[in-house]
Protein backbone atom coordinates (compact mmCIF):
# COMPACT_ATOMS: atom_id res chain seq x y z
CA MET A 1 0.00 0.00 0.00
CA LEU A 2 1.17 3.50 -0.77
CA ASP A 3 1.76 5.91 2.08
CA ARG A 4 -0.73 8.78 1.91
CA VAL A 5 1.49 11.84 1.50
CA PRO A 6 -0.23 15.21 1.93
CA PHE A 7 -0.05 17.55 -1.05
CA ASN A 8 2.53 20.32 -1.00
CA LYS A 9 2.17 23.22 -3.42
CA ASP A 10 5.89 23.00 -4.16
CA GLU A 11 5.19 19.78 -6.05
CA ILE A 12 3.86 21.67 -9.05
CA THR A 13 6.74 24.11 -9.28
CA ASN A 14 8.73 23.70 -12.47
CA ALA A 15 10.80 20.56 -11.96
CA GLY A 16 11.63 20.34 -15.65
CA GLU A 17 10.07 18.54 -18.59
CA TYR A 18 9.79 15.02 -19.89
CA PRO A 19 10.48 14.44 -23.60
CA PRO A 20 7.40 14.06 -25.84
CA PHE A 21 5.61 10.70 -25.78
CA PHE A 22 5.62 10.70 -29.61
CA PRO A 23 7.76 12.72 -32.03
CA GLY A 24 6.00 16.00 -32.80
CA PHE A 25 4.03 16.04 -29.54
CA PRO A 26 4.72 18.72 -26.92
CA PRO A 27 6.96 17.89 -23.95
CA ALA A 28 5.24 17.01 -20.68
CA LYS A 29 5.57 18.93 -17.43
CA LYS A 30 7.53 17.18 -14.72
CA PHE A 31 6.28 17.51 -11.15
CA ALA A 32 8.21 17.12 -7.90
CA THR A 33 6.22 14.01 -7.01
CA PRO A 34 6.56 12.19 -3.65
CA ILE A 35 6.86 8.89 -5.56
CA THR A 36 7.89 8.31 -9.14
CA PRO A 37 5.31 8.33 -11.93
CA LYS A 38 6.23 4.67 -12.49
CA GLU A 39 5.37 3.77 -8.89
CA ASN A 40 2.09 5.65 -9.16
CA ILE A 41 1.07 3.86 -12.36
CA GLN A 42 2.03 0.52 -10.89
CA ALA A 43 -0.32 1.21 -7.99
CA LEU A 44 -3.10 1.87 -10.49
CA TYR A 45 -2.50 -1.45 -12.25
CA ARG A 46 -2.53 -3.20 -8.86
CA ARG A 47 -6.00 -1.69 -8.37
CA GLU A 48 -4.67 0.37 -5.48
CA LEU A 49 -5.57 4.03 -5.05
CA PRO A 50 -2.68 6.02 -6.58
CA LEU A 51 -1.40 9.32 -5.20
CA TRP A 52 -2.74 11.16 -8.26
CA ILE A 53 -4.67 10.32 -11.42
CA PRO A 54 -2.00 9.02 -13.80
CA LEU A 55 -1.60 10.87 -17.06
CA SER A 56 -0.56 9.23 -20.31
CA THR A 57 2.55 11.41 -20.15
CA ASP A 58 3.60 9.66 -16.93
CA SER A 59 4.75 6.86 -19.25
CA ARG A 60 7.35 6.75 -21.98
CA LEU A 61 7.17 4.62 -25.11
CA PHE A 62 10.23 2.59 -26.02
CA ALA A 63 10.59 1.06 -29.49
CA PRO A 64 14.11 -0.29 -30.04
CA ARG A 65 15.68 -0.62 -33.45
CA VAL A 66 16.74 -4.17 -32.55
CA ASP A 67 13.29 -5.23 -33.84
CA PRO A 68 13.24 -4.75 -37.64
CA ASP A 69 9.53 -3.89 -37.43
CA ASN A 70 10.34 -0.58 -35.75
CA ILE A 71 12.66 0.40 -38.58
CA ALA A 72 10.19 -0.75 -41.25
CA ARG A 73 7.37 1.13 -39.54
CA CYS A 74 9.62 4.21 -39.14
CA LEU A 75 9.01 4.57 -35.42
CA VAL A 76 12.21 3.88 -33.50
CA LEU A 77 12.10 5.46 -30.04
CA GLU A 78 15.40 4.80 -28.33
CA ALA A 79 18.90 6.27 -27.94
CA ASN A 80 19.69 5.76 -31.64
CA GLY A 81 16.65 7.09 -33.45
CA LEU A 82 16.18 6.93 -37.19
CA SER A 83 18.04 9.41 -39.35
CA PRO A 84 16.07 11.21 -42.09
CA GLU A 85 17.73 8.91 -44.63
CA GLU A 86 16.37 5.87 -42.80
CA MET A 87 12.76 7.10 -42.86
CA VAL A 88 11.83 5.07 -45.90
CA GLY A 89 10.44 1.80 -44.56
CA GLY A 90 12.07 -1.56 -45.21
CA LYS A 91 11.62 -5.22 -44.40
CA ASP A 92 9.93 -6.23 -41.15
CA LYS A 93 10.85 -9.23 -39.03
CA HIS A 94 9.04 -11.53 -41.50
CA GLY A 95 10.71 -10.07 -44.59
CA ILE A 96 7.61 -8.13 -45.65
CA ASP A 97 8.34 -4.82 -47.41
CA TRP A 98 6.89 -1.63 -45.90
CA VAL A 99 7.05 1.86 -47.38
CA PHE A 100 6.93 5.12 -45.43
CA ILE A 101 4.05 7.48 -46.33
CA PRO A 102 5.07 11.00 -45.24
CA GLN A 103 1.50 12.35 -45.42
CA ALA A 104 0.35 9.66 -42.97
CA GLY A 105 3.44 9.83 -40.79
CA GLY A 106 3.82 6.05 -40.91
CA SER A 107 4.48 3.01 -43.06
CA MET A 108 2.26 0.52 -44.83
CA VAL A 109 2.67 -2.67 -46.80
CA VAL A 110 2.33 -1.90 -50.48
CA PRO A 111 -1.12 -3.37 -51.27
CA GLY A 112 -1.96 -5.57 -54.21
CA ASN A 113 0.78 -8.17 -53.90
CA PRO A 114 0.18 -10.16 -50.71
CA VAL A 115 2.72 -12.84 -49.86
CA LEU A 116 -0.06 -15.15 -48.65
CA SER A 117 -3.22 -15.69 -50.70
CA ASP A 118 -4.51 -18.77 -48.84
CA ALA A 119 -4.00 -19.06 -45.10
CA ASN A 120 -3.56 -22.81 -45.44
CA ASP A 121 -0.17 -22.19 -47.05
CA TRP A 122 1.28 -20.13 -44.19
CA GLU A 123 3.78 -22.72 -42.96
CA SER A 124 5.53 -22.86 -46.32
CA VAL A 125 5.27 -19.14 -47.07
CA ILE A 126 5.72 -17.10 -43.89
CA GLN A 127 9.24 -16.56 -42.59
CA PHE A 128 9.92 -16.23 -38.88
CA PRO A 129 12.95 -14.43 -37.47
CA GLU A 130 15.90 -15.95 -35.63
CA LEU A 131 15.63 -13.89 -32.47
CA ASP A 132 19.07 -14.99 -31.26
CA SER A 133 20.58 -13.16 -34.24
CA TRP A 134 19.25 -9.76 -33.12
CA ASP A 135 21.88 -7.52 -31.50
CA TRP A 136 20.43 -7.61 -28.02
CA GLU A 137 23.66 -6.76 -26.20
CA GLY A 138 24.35 -3.78 -28.45
CA SER A 139 20.83 -2.51 -27.88
CA ILE A 140 21.11 -2.94 -24.11
CA GLN A 141 24.36 -0.99 -23.95
CA ALA A 142 23.10 1.79 -26.24
CA ASN A 143 19.99 2.37 -24.12
CA LYS A 144 21.05 1.46 -20.59
CA ALA A 145 21.85 4.95 -19.29
CA GLY A 146 18.71 6.56 -20.70
CA LEU A 147 16.39 3.87 -19.39
CA GLU A 148 17.88 3.79 -15.89
CA SER A 149 17.62 7.56 -15.46
CA ASP A 150 13.94 7.87 -16.41
CA GLU A 151 11.41 7.84 -13.56
CA ARG A 152 8.38 7.27 -15.77
CA ALA A 153 6.72 3.95 -16.44
CA MET A 154 8.18 2.41 -19.57
CA THR A 155 5.92 0.92 -22.21
CA ILE A 156 7.43 -1.32 -24.84
CA TRP A 157 5.39 -2.57 -27.75
CA ILE A 158 5.05 -4.74 -30.80
CA GLN A 159 3.65 -2.50 -33.50
CA THR A 160 1.97 -5.17 -35.63
CA GLY A 161 -0.27 -7.49 -33.63
CA LEU A 162 -2.30 -10.55 -34.58
CA PHE A 163 -4.97 -9.33 -37.00
CA GLU A 164 -2.75 -6.52 -38.29
CA ARG A 165 -0.03 -9.10 -38.94
CA LEU A 166 -2.51 -11.19 -40.91
CA ILE A 167 -3.31 -8.06 -42.94
CA SER A 168 0.39 -7.54 -43.64
CA PHE A 169 0.56 -11.08 -45.04
CA MET A 170 -2.75 -11.17 -46.94
CA ASP A 171 -3.83 -7.53 -47.48
CA PHE A 172 -6.98 -6.36 -45.73
CA GLU A 173 -9.52 -8.07 -47.97
CA GLY A 174 -7.74 -11.42 -47.78
CA ALA A 175 -7.40 -11.21 -43.99
CA ALA A 176 -11.03 -10.22 -43.50
CA ILE A 177 -12.18 -13.17 -45.59
CA ALA A 178 -9.77 -15.64 -43.98
CA VAL A 179 -11.12 -15.11 -40.44
CA ILE A 180 -14.65 -16.12 -41.55
CA ASP A 181 -13.86 -18.64 -44.30
CA GLU A 182 -14.49 -22.14 -42.96
CA ASP A 183 -11.76 -23.49 -45.26
CA GLN A 184 -9.14 -21.11 -43.83
CA LYS A 185 -10.15 -20.57 -40.21
CA ASP A 186 -8.16 -23.46 -38.73
CA ALA A 187 -5.04 -22.30 -40.57
CA VAL A 188 -5.55 -18.74 -39.31
CA LYS A 189 -5.82 -20.01 -35.74
CA ALA A 190 -2.61 -22.02 -36.15
CA LEU A 191 -0.80 -19.02 -37.63
CA MET A 192 -1.93 -16.76 -34.80
CA ASP A 193 -0.82 -19.37 -32.29
CA ARG A 194 2.63 -19.42 -33.92
CA LEU A 195 2.73 -15.61 -33.80
CA ALA A 196 1.81 -15.78 -30.10
CA ASP A 197 4.80 -18.09 -29.52
CA MET A 198 7.08 -15.50 -31.12
CA TYR A 199 5.58 -12.56 -29.23
CA ILE A 200 5.91 -14.37 -25.90
CA ASP A 201 9.56 -15.08 -26.69
CA ILE A 202 10.14 -11.41 -27.56
CA ILE A 203 8.38 -10.26 -24.37
CA GLY A 204 10.74 -12.38 -22.29
CA ARG A 205 13.77 -10.96 -24.08
CA TYR A 206 12.44 -7.41 -23.77
CA THR A 207 11.94 -7.90 -20.03
CA LYS A 208 15.51 -9.08 -19.49
CA ALA A 209 17.03 -6.44 -21.76
CA TYR A 210 15.12 -3.28 -20.81
CA ASN A 211 13.07 -3.90 -17.64
CA PRO A 212 9.84 -2.34 -18.96
CA THR A 213 6.73 -1.69 -16.91
CA THR A 214 4.06 -2.40 -19.51
CA PHE A 215 3.86 -4.35 -22.75
CA THR A 216 1.56 -3.04 -25.47
CA LEU A 217 0.31 -5.01 -28.45
CA HIS A 218 -0.77 -2.77 -31.33
CA ASP A 219 -3.67 -4.45 -33.13
CA ASP A 220 -6.33 -2.22 -34.66
CA TRP A 221 -9.74 -3.88 -34.81
CA GLY A 222 -11.98 -1.19 -36.24
CA SER A 223 -12.59 1.80 -38.46
CA GLN A 224 -13.88 5.23 -37.48
CA ARG A 225 -17.46 3.95 -37.61
CA SER A 226 -17.47 0.30 -36.56
CA PRO A 227 -15.38 -2.81 -35.79
CA PHE A 228 -13.85 -4.83 -38.61
CA PHE A 229 -15.58 -7.99 -37.38
CA SER A 230 -18.17 -9.21 -34.91
CA LEU A 231 -17.51 -9.95 -31.28
CA GLU A 232 -18.18 -13.63 -31.99
CA THR A 233 -15.54 -13.69 -34.73
CA VAL A 234 -12.83 -12.02 -32.67
CA MET A 235 -13.59 -14.21 -29.66
CA GLU A 236 -13.13 -17.31 -31.80
CA MET A 237 -10.29 -16.23 -34.06
CA VAL A 238 -8.09 -13.78 -32.13
CA VAL A 239 -8.77 -13.99 -28.40
CA PRO A 240 -7.22 -17.45 -27.84
CA ALA A 241 -3.83 -16.33 -29.20
CA LEU A 242 -4.16 -12.89 -27.61
CA SER A 243 -4.85 -14.50 -24.23
CA ARG A 244 -1.57 -16.37 -24.49
CA VAL A 245 0.33 -13.15 -25.25
CA VAL A 246 -1.33 -11.42 -22.30
CA GLN A 247 -0.38 -14.31 -20.04
CA GLY A 248 3.17 -14.12 -21.38
CA ALA A 249 3.37 -10.48 -20.34
CA HIS A 250 1.93 -11.24 -16.91
CA ASP A 251 4.35 -14.16 -16.46
CA ASN A 252 7.18 -11.67 -16.99
CA GLY A 253 5.73 -9.28 -14.40
CA LEU A 254 4.44 -6.77 -16.96
CA ASN A 255 1.15 -4.97 -17.28
CA PHE A 256 -0.61 -5.62 -20.58
CA ASP A 257 -2.02 -2.67 -22.48
CA MET A 258 -4.09 -3.21 -25.61
CA HIS A 259 -3.59 -0.57 -28.30
CA SER A 260 -6.51 -1.06 -30.65
CA CYS A 261 -7.78 1.83 -32.73
CA GLY A 262 -11.25 2.15 -34.17
CA LYS A 263 -14.79 2.38 -32.86
CA ASN A 264 -14.43 -0.86 -30.98
CA GLU A 265 -16.74 -0.38 -28.01
CA LEU A 266 -18.66 -3.53 -29.02
CA LEU A 267 -15.44 -5.54 -28.76
CA VAL A 268 -14.44 -4.51 -25.23
CA PRO A 269 -15.67 -7.87 -23.86
CA ALA A 270 -12.97 -9.48 -26.01
CA TYR A 271 -10.23 -7.35 -24.45
CA ILE A 272 -11.53 -8.33 -21.03
CA ALA A 273 -11.84 -12.01 -21.94
CA ALA A 274 -8.23 -12.00 -23.12
CA GLY A 275 -7.12 -10.60 -19.76
CA CYS A 276 -5.95 -7.18 -21.00
CA ASP A 277 -5.25 -4.82 -18.12
CA SER A 278 -5.97 -1.59 -20.00
CA TRP A 279 -7.27 -0.12 -23.24
CA SER A 280 -7.41 3.55 -24.07
CA GLY A 281 -9.23 3.49 -27.38
CA GLN A 282 -9.98 6.54 -29.46
CA PRO A 283 -12.36 9.36 -28.53
CA MET A 284 -15.06 8.24 -30.97
CA ASN A 285 -15.87 5.41 -28.55
CA ASP A 286 -18.57 6.03 -25.94
CA LYS A 287 -16.23 6.26 -22.95
CA ALA A 288 -19.02 7.23 -20.54
CA MET A 289 -20.93 4.06 -21.36
CA LEU A 290 -17.78 1.94 -21.26
CA PHE A 291 -16.77 3.36 -17.89
CA GLU A 292 -20.14 2.56 -16.36
CA LYS A 293 -20.35 -0.91 -17.90
CA TYR A 294 -16.76 -2.16 -17.81
CA GLY A 295 -14.78 0.25 -15.61
CA ASP A 296 -14.38 -2.33 -12.85
CA GLN A 297 -13.01 -4.91 -15.30
CA ILE A 298 -10.48 -3.02 -17.43
CA ILE A 299 -8.53 0.22 -16.97
CA LEU A 300 -9.75 2.75 -19.51
CA GLY A 301 -7.86 5.69 -20.95
CA ILE A 302 -10.26 8.63 -20.93
CA GLU A 303 -9.86 12.03 -22.56
CA ALA A 304 -10.72 15.46 -21.21
CA ASP A 305 -14.21 16.69 -22.10
CA ILE A 306 -12.90 19.55 -24.25
CA ALA A 307 -10.51 19.67 -27.19
CA PHE A 308 -7.48 21.80 -26.38
CA THR A 309 -6.59 24.48 -28.90
CA PRO A 310 -4.35 27.56 -28.76
CA GLU A 311 -7.52 29.49 -27.92
CA THR A 312 -8.30 27.43 -24.82
CA THR A 313 -8.04 29.74 -21.83
CA ALA A 314 -6.32 28.87 -18.56
CA GLU A 315 -9.71 29.09 -16.81
CA GLU A 316 -11.28 26.63 -19.25
CA ALA A 317 -8.40 24.18 -18.92
CA ALA A 318 -8.45 24.33 -15.11
CA ALA A 319 -12.21 23.89 -14.97
CA CYS A 320 -11.96 20.88 -17.30
CA ALA A 321 -9.36 19.24 -15.05
CA LYS A 322 -11.52 19.80 -11.98
CA ARG A 323 -14.48 18.17 -13.72
CA PHE A 324 -12.33 15.18 -14.61
CA VAL A 325 -11.20 14.71 -11.01
CA GLU A 326 -14.72 15.19 -9.65
CA LYS A 327 -16.10 12.62 -12.09
CA TYR A 328 -13.48 9.87 -11.89
CA GLY A 329 -11.60 10.54 -8.66
CA PRO A 330 -14.17 9.20 -6.17
CA THR A 331 -14.21 5.71 -7.76
CA MET A 332 -10.53 5.37 -8.70
CA ALA A 333 -9.94 2.43 -6.39
CA GLU A 334 -12.84 0.45 -7.91
CA LYS A 335 -12.80 1.85 -11.46
CA PRO A 336 -9.27 3.07 -12.20
CA VAL A 337 -8.69 5.28 -15.23
CA LEU A 338 -5.76 6.84 -17.03
CA CYS A 339 -6.10 10.40 -18.25
CA SER A 340 -5.25 10.54 -21.96
CA ALA A 341 -3.76 14.01 -22.12
CA MET A 342 -0.76 13.98 -24.44
CA MET A 343 -1.90 17.20 -26.15
CA ALA A 344 -3.47 18.87 -23.11
CA SER A 345 -2.79 22.36 -21.84
CA PRO A 346 -0.11 22.55 -19.11
CA ILE A 347 -2.72 24.22 -16.90
CA PHE A 348 -4.93 21.15 -17.33
CA THR A 349 -2.19 18.74 -16.25
CA GLU A 350 -1.15 20.93 -13.32
CA THR A 351 -4.72 21.25 -12.08
CA LEU A 352 -5.49 17.56 -12.58
CA TYR A 353 -2.38 16.64 -10.62
CA GLU A 354 -3.08 19.06 -7.78
CA GLU A 355 -6.79 18.30 -7.43
CA SER A 356 -6.35 14.53 -7.50
CA ARG A 357 -3.41 14.72 -5.08
CA LYS A 358 -5.64 16.60 -2.65
CA MET A 359 -8.57 14.22 -3.12
CA PHE A 360 -6.55 11.04 -2.70
CA ASN A 361 -4.41 12.20 0.22
């Protein structure tokens, strides 16, 4: 249990800044906290009342170049980031070619030439990496000092999850058909089980190499308007393998965060069934409904109730933070939430921190 430390106004004096969570995002204000942000987030995941409502910026994302996916996807977040000349894409860990799309700020597999047209052929077509050949020791040495000096919780991820990986092999149309085609479903399940084996192996290596706090699997399941598939389909086709990956993270002492974009509120029971500890989701999801219905079963990332712009006044930002604390603070021990505030006004984060510190202590 955390010791209840009374709030001191000096905590919100300028203690510096944390680097941006993502490239191009603003830096985050650093507070003079009585415990580290990592310790506070860990309390949340233990379903213990934290000392303040954790913000998304209390974590850092780590994506090492040792995994070829991070180079192919053009999102390497470590001591040796990508140079401008490297921002082109490349081959992922399965040898699939990705190309960087500057307008989108990310990479995609060039569509129209999938390496796998029938899921039944996956064993003879899909290549799997030799993880022992990755330069783990070089990566550890390059990043050791930066990781040890950071007080935030560290999230490490695999950018291409189970269904997204199937898309990378088959293109979207082929993947969408394969998960409902009776002639391919057994092969898809076997492929996802093999992917789960690989992810569990990587999680174990990540844990030994970098000592992360949380493992995130990036697997988008929906569009802006609706899920890609029914709850019944994802429960049958994806959740068994996903459950194994979640258990692999838990076996290594890590929290498991599901990163799954899209209007996926109908699929939240699948995240819960798989054992996921948290899911932030995008703002188009009905977070109020999800909080009431599932808040005691999964940690939700919830946004402020206004969109922050350069015109947002300090009074508006402070009032918004107070509403957030008043709404979610009283039930934090039973229905814990993370505040998704990577683009929020500094006044919002200061007020949220101060008001929740006072309420919880």
